[in-house]
Amino acid sequence: MLGVGIAIGAGIGTTIFAITGDAFWIAVGPAF
């Protein structure tokens, strides 16, 4: 389930990055 969580987090981070343009979310998404 860890891999699934990382995939979900990366998707969320990428989506927020696309909306805000803040690269911070690229790193925070997988950590989440």
PDB file of all heavy atoms in Angstrom:
ATOM      1  N   MET A   1       0.823  -1.204   0.000  1.00  0.00           N
ATOM      2  CA  MET A   1       0.000   0.000   0.000  1.00  0.00           C
ATOM      3  C   MET A   1       0.858   1.255   0.000  1.00  0.00           C
ATOM      4  O   MET A   1       0.369   2.316  -0.314  1.00  0.00           O
ATOM      5  CB  MET A   1      -0.931   0.018   1.216  1.00  0.00           C
ATOM      6  CG  MET A   1      -1.986  -1.067   1.196  1.00  0.00           C
ATOM      7  SD  MET A   1      -3.064  -0.972  -0.205  1.00  0.00           S
ATOM      8  CE  MET A   1      -4.446  -0.121   0.474  1.00  0.00           C
ATOM      9  N   LEU A   2       2.120   1.107   0.338  1.00  0.00           N
ATOM     10  CA  LEU A   2       3.002   2.271   0.361  1.00  0.00           C
ATOM     11  C   LEU A   2       3.157   2.842  -1.050  1.00  0.00           C
ATOM     12  O   LEU A   2       3.109   4.057  -1.252  1.00  0.00           O
ATOM     13  CB  LEU A   2       4.358   1.907   0.957  1.00  0.00           C
ATOM     14  CG  LEU A   2       5.327   3.057   1.198  1.00  0.00           C
ATOM     15  CD1 LEU A   2       4.721   4.070   2.153  1.00  0.00           C
ATOM     16  CD2 LEU A   2       6.624   2.523   1.748  1.00  0.00           C
ATOM     17  N   GLY A   3       3.321   1.958  -2.018  1.00  0.00           N
ATOM     18  CA  GLY A   3       3.439   2.415  -3.403  1.00  0.00           C
ATOM     19  C   GLY A   3       2.198   3.132  -3.892  1.00  0.00           C
ATOM     20  O   GLY A   3       2.286   4.120  -4.623  1.00  0.00           O
ATOM     21  N   VAL A   4       1.039   2.639  -3.482  1.00  0.00           N
ATOM     22  CA  VAL A   4      -0.223   3.278  -3.863  1.00  0.00           C
ATOM     23  C   VAL A   4      -0.300   4.668  -3.238  1.00  0.00           C
ATOM     24  O   VAL A   4      -0.693   5.632  -3.898  1.00  0.00           O
ATOM     25  CB  VAL A   4      -1.423   2.413  -3.425  1.00  0.00           C
ATOM     26  CG1 VAL A   4      -2.732   3.140  -3.654  1.00  0.00           C
ATOM     27  CG2 VAL A   4      -1.409   1.085  -4.143  1.00  0.00           C
ATOM     28  N   GLY A   5       0.097   4.771  -1.983  1.00  0.00           N
ATOM     29  CA  GLY A   5       0.082   6.076  -1.309  1.00  0.00           C
ATOM     30  C   GLY A   5       1.005   7.071  -1.982  1.00  0.00           C
ATOM     31  O   GLY A   5       0.644   8.235  -2.169  1.00  0.00           O
ATOM     32  N   ILE A   6       2.198   6.611  -2.365  1.00  0.00           N
ATOM     33  CA  ILE A   6       3.145   7.502  -3.034  1.00  0.00           C
ATOM     34  C   ILE A   6       2.583   7.949  -4.382  1.00  0.00           C
ATOM     35  O   ILE A   6       2.694   9.121  -4.752  1.00  0.00           O
ATOM     36  CB  ILE A   6       4.512   6.819  -3.191  1.00  0.00           C
ATOM     37  CG1 ILE A   6       5.152   6.617  -1.817  1.00  0.00           C
ATOM     38  CG2 ILE A   6       5.427   7.638  -4.091  1.00  0.00           C
ATOM     39  CD1 ILE A   6       6.412   5.784  -1.833  1.00  0.00           C
ATOM     40  N   ALA A   7       1.961   7.026  -5.096  1.00  0.00           N
ATOM     41  CA  ALA A   7       1.369   7.381  -6.392  1.00  0.00           C
ATOM     42  C   ALA A   7       0.248   8.405  -6.227  1.00  0.00           C
ATOM     43  O   ALA A   7       0.162   9.369  -6.997  1.00  0.00           O
ATOM     44  CB  ALA A   7       0.847   6.127  -7.084  1.00  0.00           C
ATOM     45  N   ILE A   8      -0.586   8.213  -5.227  1.00  0.00           N
ATOM     46  CA  ILE A   8      -1.665   9.173  -4.971  1.00  0.00           C
ATOM     47  C   ILE A   8      -1.079  10.524  -4.578  1.00  0.00           C
ATOM     48  O   ILE A   8      -1.505  11.574  -5.073  1.00  0.00           O
ATOM     49  CB  ILE A   8      -2.613   8.642  -3.875  1.00  0.00           C
ATOM     50  CG1 ILE A   8      -3.392   7.433  -4.382  1.00  0.00           C
ATOM     51  CG2 ILE A   8      -3.572   9.740  -3.414  1.00  0.00           C
ATOM     52  CD1 ILE A   8      -4.184   6.710  -3.307  1.00  0.00           C
ATOM     53  N   GLY A   9      -0.088  10.507  -3.683  1.00  0.00           N
ATOM     54  CA  GLY A   9       0.542  11.752  -3.253  1.00  0.00           C
ATOM     55  C   GLY A   9       1.221  12.481  -4.395  1.00  0.00           C
ATOM     56  O   GLY A   9       1.140  13.704  -4.509  1.00  0.00           O
ATOM     57  N   ALA A  10       1.893  11.730  -5.263  1.00  0.00           N
ATOM     58  CA  ALA A  10       2.560  12.349  -6.411  1.00  0.00           C
ATOM     59  C   ALA A  10       1.525  12.971  -7.356  1.00  0.00           C
ATOM     60  O   ALA A  10       1.750  14.056  -7.897  1.00  0.00           O
ATOM     61  CB  ALA A  10       3.405  11.321  -7.146  1.00  0.00           C
ATOM     62  N   GLY A  11       0.422  12.285  -7.526  1.00  0.00           N
ATOM     63  CA  GLY A  11      -0.644  12.838  -8.368  1.00  0.00           C
ATOM     64  C   GLY A  11      -1.231  14.109  -7.790  1.00  0.00           C
ATOM     65  O   GLY A  11      -1.464  15.084  -8.512  1.00  0.00           O
ATOM     66  N   ILE A  12      -1.447  14.123  -6.487  1.00  0.00           N
ATOM     67  CA  ILE A  12      -1.961  15.322  -5.826  1.00  0.00           C
ATOM     68  C   ILE A  12      -0.941  16.452  -5.943  1.00  0.00           C
ATOM     69  O   ILE A  12      -1.291  17.594  -6.252  1.00  0.00           O
ATOM     70  CB  ILE A  12      -2.310  15.021  -4.357  1.00  0.00           C
ATOM     71  CG1 ILE A  12      -3.514  14.087  -4.275  1.00  0.00           C
ATOM     72  CG2 ILE A  12      -2.584  16.320  -3.591  1.00  0.00           C
ATOM     73  CD1 ILE A  12      -3.792  13.546  -2.890  1.00  0.00           C
ATOM     74  N   GLY A  13       0.333  16.130  -5.673  1.00  0.00           N
ATOM     75  CA  GLY A  13       1.385  17.145  -5.759  1.00  0.00           C
ATOM     76  C   GLY A  13       1.504  17.720  -7.158  1.00  0.00           C
ATOM     77  O   GLY A  13       1.659  18.930  -7.335  1.00  0.00           O
ATOM     78  N   THR A  14       1.434  16.868  -8.178  1.00  0.00           N
ATOM     79  CA  THR A  14       1.521  17.331  -9.565  1.00  0.00           C
ATOM     80  C   THR A  14       0.334  18.205  -9.935  1.00  0.00           C
ATOM     81  O   THR A  14       0.477  19.223 -10.620  1.00  0.00           O
ATOM     82  CB  THR A  14       1.604  16.123 -10.520  1.00  0.00           C
ATOM     83  OG1 THR A  14       2.723  15.321 -10.146  1.00  0.00           O
ATOM     84  CG2 THR A  14       1.748  16.556 -11.948  1.00  0.00           C
ATOM     85  N   THR A  15      -0.844  17.828  -9.462  1.00  0.00           N
ATOM     86  CA  THR A  15      -2.040  18.617  -9.742  1.00  0.00           C
ATOM     87  C   THR A  15      -1.950  20.000  -9.110  1.00  0.00           C
ATOM     88  O   THR A  15      -2.234  21.011  -9.760  1.00  0.00           O
ATOM     89  CB  THR A  15      -3.300  17.884  -9.236  1.00  0.00           C
ATOM     90  OG1 THR A  15      -3.371  16.604  -9.855  1.00  0.00           O
ATOM     91  CG2 THR A  15      -4.562  18.678  -9.537  1.00  0.00           C
ATOM     92  N   ILE A  16      -1.540  20.052  -7.845  1.00  0.00           N
ATOM     93  CA  ILE A  16      -1.416  21.348  -7.171  1.00  0.00           C
ATOM     94  C   ILE A  16      -0.317  22.186  -7.834  1.00  0.00           C
ATOM     95  O   ILE A  16      -0.466  23.395  -7.996  1.00  0.00           O
ATOM     96  CB  ILE A  16      -1.164  21.160  -5.664  1.00  0.00           C
ATOM     97  CG1 ILE A  16      -2.385  20.511  -5.004  1.00  0.00           C
ATOM     98  CG2 ILE A  16      -0.864  22.502  -4.991  1.00  0.00           C
ATOM     99  CD1 ILE A  16      -2.192  20.151  -3.547  1.00  0.00           C
ATOM    100  N   PHE A  17       0.788  21.529  -8.245  1.00  0.00           N
ATOM    101  CA  PHE A  17       1.853  22.246  -8.958  1.00  0.00           C
ATOM    102  C   PHE A  17       1.324  22.850 -10.250  1.00  0.00           C
ATOM    103  O   PHE A  17       1.638  23.993 -10.592  1.00  0.00           O
ATOM    104  CB  PHE A  17       3.019  21.305  -9.253  1.00  0.00           C
ATOM    105  CG  PHE A  17       4.030  21.878 -10.203  1.00  0.00           C
ATOM    106  CD1 PHE A  17       4.846  22.917  -9.799  1.00  0.00           C
ATOM    107  CD2 PHE A  17       4.149  21.382 -11.481  1.00  0.00           C
ATOM    108  CE1 PHE A  17       5.778  23.455 -10.680  1.00  0.00           C
ATOM    109  CE2 PHE A  17       5.075  21.904 -12.360  1.00  0.00           C
ATOM    110  CZ  PHE A  17       5.884  22.954 -11.956  1.00  0.00           C
ATOM    111  N   ALA A  18       0.504  22.091 -10.975  1.00  0.00           N
ATOM    112  CA  ALA A  18      -0.055  22.598 -12.232  1.00  0.00           C
ATOM    113  C   ALA A  18      -0.957  23.807 -11.997  1.00  0.00           C
ATOM    114  O   ALA A  18      -1.005  24.730 -12.812  1.00  0.00           O
ATOM    115  CB  ALA A  18      -0.829  21.495 -12.941  1.00  0.00           C
ATOM    116  N   ILE A  19      -1.653  23.810 -10.862  1.00  0.00           N
ATOM    117  CA  ILE A  19      -2.563  24.918 -10.557  1.00  0.00           C
ATOM    118  C   ILE A  19      -1.790  26.138 -10.063  1.00  0.00           C
ATOM    119  O   ILE A  19      -2.040  27.257 -10.504  1.00  0.00           O
ATOM    120  CB  ILE A  19      -3.613  24.475  -9.516  1.00  0.00           C
ATOM    121  CG1 ILE A  19      -4.532  23.407 -10.124  1.00  0.00           C
ATOM    122  CG2 ILE A  19      -4.417  25.666  -9.014  1.00  0.00           C
ATOM    123  CD1 ILE A  19      -5.432  22.730  -9.102  1.00  0.00           C
ATOM    124  N   THR A  20      -0.856  25.916  -9.141  1.00  0.00           N
ATOM    125  CA  THR A  20      -0.187  27.041  -8.482  1.00  0.00           C
ATOM    126  C   THR A  20       1.129  27.423  -9.134  1.00  0.00           C
ATOM    127  O   THR A  20       1.568  28.558  -9.014  1.00  0.00           O
ATOM    128  CB  THR A  20       0.092  26.714  -7.000  1.00  0.00           C
ATOM    129  OG1 THR A  20       1.020  25.630  -6.921  1.00  0.00           O
ATOM    130  CG2 THR A  20      -1.185  26.377  -6.262  1.00  0.00           C
ATOM    131  N   GLY A  21       1.809  26.486  -9.779  1.00  0.00           N
ATOM    132  CA  GLY A  21       3.115  26.750 -10.351  1.00  0.00           C
ATOM    133  C   GLY A  21       4.225  26.744  -9.320  1.00  0.00           C
ATOM    134  O   GLY A  21       5.359  27.101  -9.615  1.00  0.00           O
ATOM    135  N   ASP A  22       3.934  26.317  -8.109  1.00  0.00           N
ATOM    136  CA  ASP A  22       4.913  26.294  -7.022  1.00  0.00           C
ATOM    137  C   ASP A  22       5.539  24.900  -6.949  1.00  0.00           C
ATOM    138  O   ASP A  22       4.874  23.922  -6.613  1.00  0.00           O
ATOM    139  CB  ASP A  22       4.218  26.641  -5.710  1.00  0.00           C
ATOM    140  CG  ASP A  22       5.166  26.850  -4.554  1.00  0.00           C
ATOM    141  OD1 ASP A  22       6.395  26.821  -4.781  1.00  0.00           O
ATOM    142  OD2 ASP A  22       4.683  27.045  -3.424  1.00  0.00           O
ATOM    143  N   ALA A  23       6.827  24.797  -7.256  1.00  0.00           N
ATOM    144  CA  ALA A  23       7.516  23.504  -7.320  1.00  0.00           C
ATOM    145  C   ALA A  23       7.594  22.810  -5.963  1.00  0.00           C
ATOM    146  O   ALA A  23       7.892  21.626  -5.885  1.00  0.00           O
ATOM    147  CB  ALA A  23       8.916  23.690  -7.889  1.00  0.00           C
ATOM    148  N   PHE A  24       7.308  23.531  -4.908  1.00  0.00           N
ATOM    149  CA  PHE A  24       7.276  22.960  -3.559  1.00  0.00           C
ATOM    150  C   PHE A  24       6.378  21.724  -3.511  1.00  0.00           C
ATOM    151  O   PHE A  24       6.694  20.744  -2.837  1.00  0.00           O
ATOM    152  CB  PHE A  24       6.775  24.046  -2.593  1.00  0.00           C
ATOM    153  CG  PHE A  24       6.402  23.553  -1.225  1.00  0.00           C
ATOM    154  CD1 PHE A  24       7.382  23.254  -0.301  1.00  0.00           C
ATOM    155  CD2 PHE A  24       5.075  23.409  -0.856  1.00  0.00           C
ATOM    156  CE1 PHE A  24       7.042  22.816   0.968  1.00  0.00           C
ATOM    157  CE2 PHE A  24       4.735  22.969   0.405  1.00  0.00           C
ATOM    158  CZ  PHE A  24       5.715  22.671   1.314  1.00  0.00           C
ATOM    159  N   TRP A  25       5.286  21.750  -4.242  1.00  0.00           N
ATOM    160  CA  TRP A  25       4.312  20.662  -4.194  1.00  0.00           C
ATOM    161  C   TRP A  25       4.808  19.393  -4.859  1.00  0.00           C
ATOM    162  O   TRP A  25       4.334  18.304  -4.558  1.00  0.00           O
ATOM    163  CB  TRP A  25       2.991  21.109  -4.812  1.00  0.00           C
ATOM    164  CG  TRP A  25       2.347  22.147  -3.967  1.00  0.00           C
ATOM    165  CD1 TRP A  25       2.275  23.475  -4.229  1.00  0.00           C
ATOM    166  CD2 TRP A  25       1.728  21.956  -2.695  1.00  0.00           C
ATOM    167  NE1 TRP A  25       1.639  24.116  -3.200  1.00  0.00           N
ATOM    168  CE2 TRP A  25       1.290  23.209  -2.242  1.00  0.00           C
ATOM    169  CE3 TRP A  25       1.487  20.834  -1.897  1.00  0.00           C
ATOM    170  CZ2 TRP A  25       0.641  23.375  -1.031  1.00  0.00           C
ATOM    171  CZ3 TRP A  25       0.844  21.002  -0.689  1.00  0.00           C
ATOM    172  CH2 TRP A  25       0.427  22.251  -0.264  1.00  0.00           C
ATOM    173  N   ILE A  26       5.785  19.507  -5.768  1.00  0.00           N
ATOM    174  CA  ILE A  26       6.359  18.326  -6.408  1.00  0.00           C
ATOM    175  C   ILE A  26       7.068  17.465  -5.359  1.00  0.00           C
ATOM    176  O   ILE A  26       7.033  16.235  -5.410  1.00  0.00           O
ATOM    177  CB  ILE A  26       7.336  18.730  -7.529  1.00  0.00           C
ATOM    178  CG1 ILE A  26       6.576  19.437  -8.650  1.00  0.00           C
ATOM    179  CG2 ILE A  26       8.094  17.536  -8.061  1.00  0.00           C
ATOM    180  CD1 ILE A  26       5.621  18.563  -9.421  1.00  0.00           C
ATOM    181  N   ALA A  27       7.714  18.109  -4.382  1.00  0.00           N
ATOM    182  CA  ALA A  27       8.407  17.379  -3.318  1.00  0.00           C
ATOM    183  C   ALA A  27       7.460  16.954  -2.209  1.00  0.00           C
ATOM    184  O   ALA A  27       7.602  15.877  -1.631  1.00  0.00           O
ATOM    185  CB  ALA A  27       9.535  18.237  -2.748  1.00  0.00           C
ATOM    186  N   VAL A  28       6.498  17.795  -1.887  1.00  0.00           N
ATOM    187  CA  VAL A  28       5.599  17.512  -0.764  1.00  0.00           C
ATOM    188  C   VAL A  28       4.602  16.408  -1.099  1.00  0.00           C
ATOM    189  O   VAL A  28       4.244  15.619  -0.226  1.00  0.00           O
ATOM    190  CB  VAL A  28       4.866  18.804  -0.334  1.00  0.00           C
ATOM    191  CG1 VAL A  28       3.760  18.514   0.664  1.00  0.00           C
ATOM    192  CG2 VAL A  28       5.860  19.779   0.266  1.00  0.00           C
ATOM    193  N   GLY A  29       4.183  16.313  -2.343  1.00  0.00           N
ATOM    194  CA  GLY A  29       3.186  15.311  -2.746  1.00  0.00           C
ATOM    195  C   GLY A  29       3.612  13.890  -2.407  1.00  0.00           C
ATOM    196  O   GLY A  29       2.905  13.188  -1.684  1.00  0.00           O
ATOM    197  N   PRO A  30       4.780  13.424  -2.892  1.00  0.00           N
ATOM    198  CA  PRO A  30       5.204  12.063  -2.553  1.00  0.00           C
ATOM    199  C   PRO A  30       5.466  11.862  -1.060  1.00  0.00           C
ATOM    200  O   PRO A  30       5.210  10.788  -0.525  1.00  0.00           O
ATOM    201  CB  PRO A  30       6.491  11.878  -3.358  1.00  0.00           C
ATOM    202  CG  PRO A  30       6.355  12.823  -4.492  1.00  0.00           C
ATOM    203  CD  PRO A  30       5.603  14.002  -3.954  1.00  0.00           C
ATOM    204  N   ALA A  31       5.952  12.902  -0.385  1.00  0.00           N
ATOM    205  CA  ALA A  31       6.166  12.790   1.064  1.00  0.00           C
ATOM    206  C   ALA A  31       4.831  12.575   1.779  1.00  0.00           C
ATOM    207  O   ALA A  31       4.719  11.751   2.688  1.00  0.00           O
ATOM    208  CB  ALA A  31       6.869  14.037   1.599  1.00  0.00           C
ATOM    209  N   PHE A  32       3.815  13.301   1.350  1.00  0.00           N
ATOM    210  CA  PHE A  32       2.471  13.087   1.882  1.00  0.00           C
ATOM    211  C   PHE A  32       1.990  11.679   1.544  1.00  0.00           C
ATOM    212  O   PHE A  32       1.340  11.018   2.355  1.00  0.00           O
ATOM    213  CB  PHE A  32       1.508  14.127   1.300  1.00  0.00           C
ATOM    214  CG  PHE A  32       0.064  13.849   1.598  1.00  0.00           C
ATOM    215  CD1 PHE A  32      -0.449  14.025   2.860  1.00  0.00           C
ATOM    216  CD2 PHE A  32      -0.787  13.392   0.594  1.00  0.00           C
ATOM    217  CE1 PHE A  32      -1.783  13.755   3.130  1.00  0.00           C
ATOM    218  CE2 PHE A  32      -2.110  13.118   0.852  1.00  0.00           C
ATOM    219  CZ  PHE A  32      -2.609  13.305   2.133  1.00  0.00           C
TER     220      PHE A  32
END
